[in-house]
Amino acid sequence: MIDETLFEAEEKMEKTVEAAKEAFAGIRTGRAHPGMFQKVLVDYYGAPTPLQQLASFQTPEARTIIISPFDKSSMHAIEKAIQVADLGVNPSNDGNIIRCVMPVLTEERRREYVKMAHSQAEDAKVSVRNVRRSAKTTLEKLVKDGEVGEDEGARAEKELEAVTKRHVDQIDELLKHKEAELLEV
């Protein structure tokens, strides 16, 4: 029962780290990349559809991204969704493709992105700690009910703390890399 609880907690923590990676990918750096458009939902025939499912992306230059819709009739809906998403880009439509040119990042904007990254990292850490608290409560209940011994419970809690620390450190490392990437001119 202890092993199941620890395994489940570690699995949830891994998912939290992956979610943090995805969140960091959505934060814009000086280069254009399709990950920026990951959260953009397009109203496609009345259903909110992720932009990745409606178009292909190309990056011919560092600051330019070209979006080629599979269905040309969705061009205006995609353009509108990008404008509403507040990504800091102004899409231009030439009838076949949508071209988005990333403006040069100012120092102030870079600092805002760093703050955003710190906020997302803190949210991820809180999520990991919530998983730890839930698992710890489960372990304490097992000891209290007499299903496992106190020594086993203490060992499991130490292991849980080690797993938690490892995942929090991974999030900190991701944040450090993203921060360096954002502040790089």
C-alpha atoms as a PDB file:
ATOM      1  CA  MET A   1       0.000   0.000   0.000  1.00  0.00           C
ATOM      2  CA  ILE A   2       2.896   2.343   0.795  1.00  0.00           C
ATOM      3  CA  ASP A   3       4.535   1.676  -2.547  1.00  0.00           C
ATOM      4  CA  GLU A   4       1.290   2.411  -4.385  1.00  0.00           C
ATOM      5  CA  THR A   5       0.888   5.717  -2.550  1.00  0.00           C
ATOM      6  CA  LEU A   6       4.492   6.757  -3.283  1.00  0.00           C
ATOM      7  CA  PHE A   7       4.236   5.678  -6.919  1.00  0.00           C
ATOM      8  CA  GLU A   8       1.004   7.600  -7.413  1.00  0.00           C
ATOM      9  CA  ALA A   9       2.483  10.725  -5.781  1.00  0.00           C
ATOM     10  CA  GLU A  10       5.610  10.536  -7.938  1.00  0.00           C
ATOM     11  CA  GLU A  11       3.504  10.092 -11.077  1.00  0.00           C
ATOM     12  CA  LYS A  12       1.427  13.191 -10.250  1.00  0.00           C
ATOM     13  CA  MET A  13       4.592  15.183  -9.538  1.00  0.00           C
ATOM     14  CA  GLU A  14       6.046  14.135 -12.909  1.00  0.00           C
ATOM     15  CA  LYS A  15       2.883  15.398 -14.613  1.00  0.00           C
ATOM     16  CA  THR A  16       3.232  18.702 -12.761  1.00  0.00           C
ATOM     17  CA  VAL A  17       6.828  19.090 -13.993  1.00  0.00           C
ATOM     18  CA  GLU A  18       5.671  18.349 -17.563  1.00  0.00           C
ATOM     19  CA  ALA A  19       2.910  20.953 -17.209  1.00  0.00           C
ATOM     20  CA  ALA A  20       5.531  23.467 -16.027  1.00  0.00           C
ATOM     21  CA  LYS A  21       7.668  22.674 -19.102  1.00  0.00           C
ATOM     22  CA  GLU A  22       4.666  23.336 -21.345  1.00  0.00           C
ATOM     23  CA  ALA A  23       3.873  26.573 -19.511  1.00  0.00           C
ATOM     24  CA  PHE A  24       7.472  27.755 -19.935  1.00  0.00           C
ATOM     25  CA  ALA A  25       7.358  26.873 -23.641  1.00  0.00           C
ATOM     26  CA  GLY A  26       4.388  29.205 -24.004  1.00  0.00           C
ATOM     27  CA  ILE A  27       6.370  32.148 -22.656  1.00  0.00           C
ATOM     28  CA  ARG A  28       7.852  34.011 -25.555  1.00  0.00           C
ATOM     29  CA  THR A  29      11.570  34.540 -25.942  1.00  0.00           C
ATOM     30  CA  GLY A  30      13.257  36.542 -28.674  1.00  0.00           C
ATOM     31  CA  ARG A  31      12.639  33.741 -31.186  1.00  0.00           C
ATOM     32  CA  ALA A  32       9.392  32.668 -32.796  1.00  0.00           C
ATOM     33  CA  HIS A  33       8.310  29.086 -32.104  1.00  0.00           C
ATOM     34  CA  PRO A  34       5.046  27.165 -32.514  1.00  0.00           C
ATOM     35  CA  GLY A  35       4.827  26.530 -28.739  1.00  0.00           C
ATOM     36  CA  MET A  36       3.725  30.141 -28.324  1.00  0.00           C
ATOM     37  CA  PHE A  37       0.449  29.280 -30.040  1.00  0.00           C
ATOM     38  CA  GLN A  38      -0.201  26.168 -27.949  1.00  0.00           C
ATOM     39  CA  LYS A  39      -2.971  27.760 -25.862  1.00  0.00           C
ATOM     40  CA  VAL A  40      -4.684  29.543 -28.783  1.00  0.00           C
ATOM     41  CA  LEU A  41      -8.200  28.244 -29.372  1.00  0.00           C
ATOM     42  CA  VAL A  42      -9.920  29.045 -32.654  1.00  0.00           C
ATOM     43  CA  ASP A  43     -13.708  29.137 -33.030  1.00  0.00           C
ATOM     44  CA  TYR A  44     -13.862  26.603 -35.862  1.00  0.00           C
ATOM     45  CA  TYR A  45     -17.456  25.935 -36.955  1.00  0.00           C
ATOM     46  CA  GLY A  46     -18.716  26.733 -33.469  1.00  0.00           C
ATOM     47  CA  ALA A  47     -16.246  24.517 -31.582  1.00  0.00           C
ATOM     48  CA  PRO A  48     -13.131  25.845 -29.793  1.00  0.00           C
ATOM     49  CA  THR A  49     -10.276  24.030 -31.564  1.00  0.00           C
ATOM     50  CA  PRO A  50      -6.532  24.248 -30.790  1.00  0.00           C
ATOM     51  CA  LEU A  51      -4.653  26.150 -33.496  1.00  0.00           C
ATOM     52  CA  GLN A  52      -2.148  23.263 -33.849  1.00  0.00           C
ATOM     53  CA  GLN A  53      -4.970  21.118 -35.252  1.00  0.00           C
ATOM     54  CA  LEU A  54      -5.949  23.687 -37.876  1.00  0.00           C
ATOM     55  CA  ALA A  55      -2.630  24.779 -39.356  1.00  0.00           C
ATOM     56  CA  SER A  56       1.037  24.037 -39.884  1.00  0.00           C
ATOM     57  CA  PHE A  57       3.814  26.319 -38.667  1.00  0.00           C
ATOM     58  CA  GLN A  58       7.081  27.406 -40.266  1.00  0.00           C
ATOM     59  CA  THR A  59       9.788  29.686 -38.913  1.00  0.00           C
ATOM     60  CA  PRO A  60      11.751  31.046 -41.891  1.00  0.00           C
ATOM     61  CA  GLU A  61      13.485  33.653 -39.688  1.00  0.00           C
ATOM     62  CA  ALA A  62      14.144  33.947 -35.971  1.00  0.00           C
ATOM     63  CA  ARG A  63      11.354  36.454 -35.383  1.00  0.00           C
ATOM     64  CA  THR A  64       8.844  35.399 -38.067  1.00  0.00           C
ATOM     65  CA  ILE A  65       6.400  32.540 -37.976  1.00  0.00           C
ATOM     66  CA  ILE A  66       4.210  31.525 -40.886  1.00  0.00           C
ATOM     67  CA  ILE A  67       0.906  29.805 -40.185  1.00  0.00           C
ATOM     68  CA  SER A  68      -0.568  27.819 -43.092  1.00  0.00           C
ATOM     69  CA  PRO A  69      -4.201  26.843 -42.403  1.00  0.00           C
ATOM     70  CA  PHE A  70      -5.289  23.467 -43.737  1.00  0.00           C
ATOM     71  CA  ASP A  71      -8.715  24.949 -44.465  1.00  0.00           C
ATOM     72  CA  LYS A  72      -8.442  28.391 -46.101  1.00  0.00           C
ATOM     73  CA  SER A  73     -11.967  29.289 -44.987  1.00  0.00           C
ATOM     74  CA  SER A  74     -10.763  29.318 -41.359  1.00  0.00           C
ATOM     75  CA  MET A  75      -8.211  32.065 -42.099  1.00  0.00           C
ATOM     76  CA  HIS A  76     -10.177  34.928 -40.511  1.00  0.00           C
ATOM     77  CA  ALA A  77     -11.114  32.871 -37.430  1.00  0.00           C
ATOM     78  CA  ILE A  78      -7.442  31.970 -36.884  1.00  0.00           C
ATOM     79  CA  GLU A  79      -6.359  35.592 -37.331  1.00  0.00           C
ATOM     80  CA  LYS A  80      -8.988  36.766 -34.842  1.00  0.00           C
ATOM     81  CA  ALA A  81      -8.015  34.075 -32.293  1.00  0.00           C
ATOM     82  CA  ILE A  82      -4.350  35.132 -32.454  1.00  0.00           C
ATOM     83  CA  GLN A  83      -5.301  38.770 -31.874  1.00  0.00           C
ATOM     84  CA  VAL A  84      -7.554  37.854 -28.936  1.00  0.00           C
ATOM     85  CA  ALA A  85      -4.867  35.596 -27.399  1.00  0.00           C
ATOM     86  CA  ASP A  86      -2.727  38.674 -26.596  1.00  0.00           C
ATOM     87  CA  LEU A  87       0.574  37.139 -27.652  1.00  0.00           C
ATOM     88  CA  GLY A  88       2.090  40.497 -28.528  1.00  0.00           C
ATOM     89  CA  VAL A  89       2.004  39.788 -32.268  1.00  0.00           C
ATOM     90  CA  ASN A  90      -0.089  41.314 -35.029  1.00  0.00           C
ATOM     91  CA  PRO A  91      -0.986  38.690 -37.644  1.00  0.00           C
ATOM     92  CA  SER A  92      -1.122  39.694 -41.297  1.00  0.00           C
ATOM     93  CA  ASN A  93      -3.134  37.665 -43.778  1.00  0.00           C
ATOM     94  CA  ASP A  94      -2.255  37.457 -47.484  1.00  0.00           C
ATOM     95  CA  GLY A  95      -5.042  35.058 -48.466  1.00  0.00           C
ATOM     96  CA  ASN A  96      -2.937  31.862 -48.278  1.00  0.00           C
ATOM     97  CA  ILE A  97      -0.891  32.197 -45.113  1.00  0.00           C
ATOM     98  CA  ILE A  98      -0.856  34.196 -41.910  1.00  0.00           C
ATOM     99  CA  ARG A  99       2.458  35.841 -41.121  1.00  0.00           C
ATOM    100  CA  CYS A 100       3.290  36.838 -37.532  1.00  0.00           C
ATOM    101  CA  VAL A 101       6.362  38.981 -36.934  1.00  0.00           C
ATOM    102  CA  MET A 102       7.534  39.092 -33.328  1.00  0.00           C
ATOM    103  CA  PRO A 103       8.444  42.586 -32.152  1.00  0.00           C
ATOM    104  CA  VAL A 104      11.871  43.036 -30.607  1.00  0.00           C
ATOM    105  CA  LEU A 105      11.687  42.421 -26.870  1.00  0.00           C
ATOM    106  CA  THR A 106      12.388  45.427 -24.686  1.00  0.00           C
ATOM    107  CA  GLU A 107      14.139  45.068 -21.338  1.00  0.00           C
ATOM    108  CA  GLU A 108      10.876  45.871 -19.549  1.00  0.00           C
ATOM    109  CA  ARG A 109       8.971  43.192 -21.479  1.00  0.00           C
ATOM    110  CA  ARG A 110      11.707  40.655 -20.734  1.00  0.00           C
ATOM    111  CA  ARG A 111      11.360  41.413 -17.018  1.00  0.00           C
ATOM    112  CA  GLU A 112       7.587  40.894 -17.263  1.00  0.00           C
ATOM    113  CA  TYR A 113       8.152  37.498 -18.897  1.00  0.00           C
ATOM    114  CA  VAL A 114      10.611  36.563 -16.132  1.00  0.00           C
ATOM    115  CA  LYS A 115       7.982  37.483 -13.525  1.00  0.00           C
ATOM    116  CA  MET A 116       5.452  35.371 -15.415  1.00  0.00           C
ATOM    117  CA  ALA A 117       7.895  32.436 -15.442  1.00  0.00           C
ATOM    118  CA  HIS A 118       8.486  32.809 -11.690  1.00  0.00           C
ATOM    119  CA  SER A 119       4.735  32.834 -11.087  1.00  0.00           C
ATOM    120  CA  GLN A 120       4.227  29.670 -13.153  1.00  0.00           C
ATOM    121  CA  ALA A 121       7.147  27.964 -11.402  1.00  0.00           C
ATOM    122  CA  GLU A 122       5.671  28.823  -8.014  1.00  0.00           C
ATOM    123  CA  ASP A 123       2.279  27.439  -9.081  1.00  0.00           C
ATOM    124  CA  ALA A 124       3.990  24.199 -10.135  1.00  0.00           C
ATOM    125  CA  LYS A 125       5.843  23.952  -6.805  1.00  0.00           C
ATOM    126  CA  VAL A 126       2.605  24.506  -4.890  1.00  0.00           C
ATOM    127  CA  SER A 127       1.016  21.733  -6.926  1.00  0.00           C
ATOM    128  CA  VAL A 128       3.909  19.365  -6.090  1.00  0.00           C
ATOM    129  CA  ARG A 129       3.593  20.243  -2.399  1.00  0.00           C
ATOM    130  CA  ASN A 130      -0.152  19.598  -2.524  1.00  0.00           C
ATOM    131  CA  VAL A 131       0.536  16.134  -3.936  1.00  0.00           C
ATOM    132  CA  ARG A 132       3.045  15.581  -1.120  1.00  0.00           C
ATOM    133  CA  ARG A 133       0.536  16.692   1.521  1.00  0.00           C
ATOM    134  CA  SER A 134      -2.114  14.355   0.119  1.00  0.00           C
ATOM    135  CA  ALA A 135       0.301  11.398   0.024  1.00  0.00           C
ATOM    136  CA  LYS A 136       1.558  12.180   3.535  1.00  0.00           C
ATOM    137  CA  THR A 137      -2.012  12.221   4.857  1.00  0.00           C
ATOM    138  CA  THR A 138      -2.601   8.827   3.236  1.00  0.00           C
ATOM    139  CA  LEU A 139       0.587   7.428   4.802  1.00  0.00           C
ATOM    140  CA  GLU A 140      -0.334   8.787   8.241  1.00  0.00           C
ATOM    141  CA  LYS A 141      -3.778   7.197   7.935  1.00  0.00           C
ATOM    142  CA  LEU A 142      -2.186   3.821   7.090  1.00  0.00           C
ATOM    143  CA  VAL A 143       0.016   4.012  10.201  1.00  0.00           C
ATOM    144  CA  LYS A 144      -2.901   5.166  12.381  1.00  0.00           C
ATOM    145  CA  ASP A 145      -5.144   2.339  11.149  1.00  0.00           C
ATOM    146  CA  GLY A 146      -2.374  -0.166  11.891  1.00  0.00           C
ATOM    147  CA  GLU A 147      -2.039  -1.356   8.283  1.00  0.00           C
ATOM    148  CA  VAL A 148       1.705  -0.581   8.346  1.00  0.00           C
ATOM    149  CA  GLY A 149       4.240  -0.128  11.128  1.00  0.00           C
ATOM    150  CA  GLU A 150       5.491   3.252  12.341  1.00  0.00           C
ATOM    151  CA  ASP A 151       9.017   2.526  11.077  1.00  0.00           C
ATOM    152  CA  GLU A 152       7.701   1.757   7.588  1.00  0.00           C
ATOM    153  CA  GLY A 153       5.572   4.898   7.693  1.00  0.00           C
ATOM    154  CA  ALA A 154       8.574   7.030   8.713  1.00  0.00           C
ATOM    155  CA  ARG A 155      10.708   5.485   5.944  1.00  0.00           C
ATOM    156  CA  ALA A 156       7.961   6.152   3.398  1.00  0.00           C
ATOM    157  CA  GLU A 157       7.649   9.787   4.543  1.00  0.00           C
ATOM    158  CA  LYS A 158      11.416  10.283   4.143  1.00  0.00           C
ATOM    159  CA  GLU A 159      11.202   8.797   0.667  1.00  0.00           C
ATOM    160  CA  LEU A 160       8.246  11.073  -0.123  1.00  0.00           C
ATOM    161  CA  GLU A 161      10.257  14.114   1.007  1.00  0.00           C
ATOM    162  CA  ALA A 162      13.168  13.065  -1.232  1.00  0.00           C
ATOM    163  CA  VAL A 163      10.848  12.641  -4.238  1.00  0.00           C
ATOM    164  CA  THR A 164       9.258  16.027  -3.531  1.00  0.00           C
ATOM    165  CA  LYS A 165      12.639  17.742  -3.256  1.00  0.00           C
ATOM    166  CA  ARG A 166      13.787  16.172  -6.530  1.00  0.00           C
ATOM    167  CA  HIS A 167      10.720  17.463  -8.403  1.00  0.00           C
ATOM    168  CA  VAL A 168      10.915  20.955  -6.855  1.00  0.00           C
ATOM    169  CA  ASP A 169      14.595  21.067  -7.875  1.00  0.00           C
ATOM    170  CA  GLN A 170      13.628  20.082 -11.444  1.00  0.00           C
ATOM    171  CA  ILE A 171      11.154  22.981 -11.558  1.00  0.00           C
ATOM    172  CA  ASP A 172      13.818  25.362 -10.222  1.00  0.00           C
ATOM    173  CA  GLU A 173      16.243  24.156 -12.899  1.00  0.00           C
ATOM    174  CA  LEU A 174      13.638  24.685 -15.640  1.00  0.00           C
ATOM    175  CA  LEU A 175      13.006  28.184 -14.293  1.00  0.00           C
ATOM    176  CA  LYS A 176      16.727  28.972 -14.239  1.00  0.00           C
ATOM    177  CA  HIS A 177      17.093  27.942 -17.899  1.00  0.00           C
ATOM    178  CA  LYS A 178      14.000  29.878 -18.957  1.00  0.00           C
ATOM    179  CA  GLU A 179      15.149  32.970 -17.090  1.00  0.00           C
ATOM    180  CA  ALA A 180      18.572  32.835 -18.766  1.00  0.00           C
ATOM    181  CA  GLU A 181      16.879  32.356 -22.134  1.00  0.00           C
ATOM    182  CA  LEU A 182      14.587  35.358 -21.565  1.00  0.00           C
ATOM    183  CA  LEU A 183      17.329  37.710 -20.400  1.00  0.00           C
ATOM    184  CA  GLU A 184      19.676  36.739 -23.239  1.00  0.00           C
ATOM    185  CA  VAL A 185      19.881  39.658 -25.653  1.00  0.00           C
END
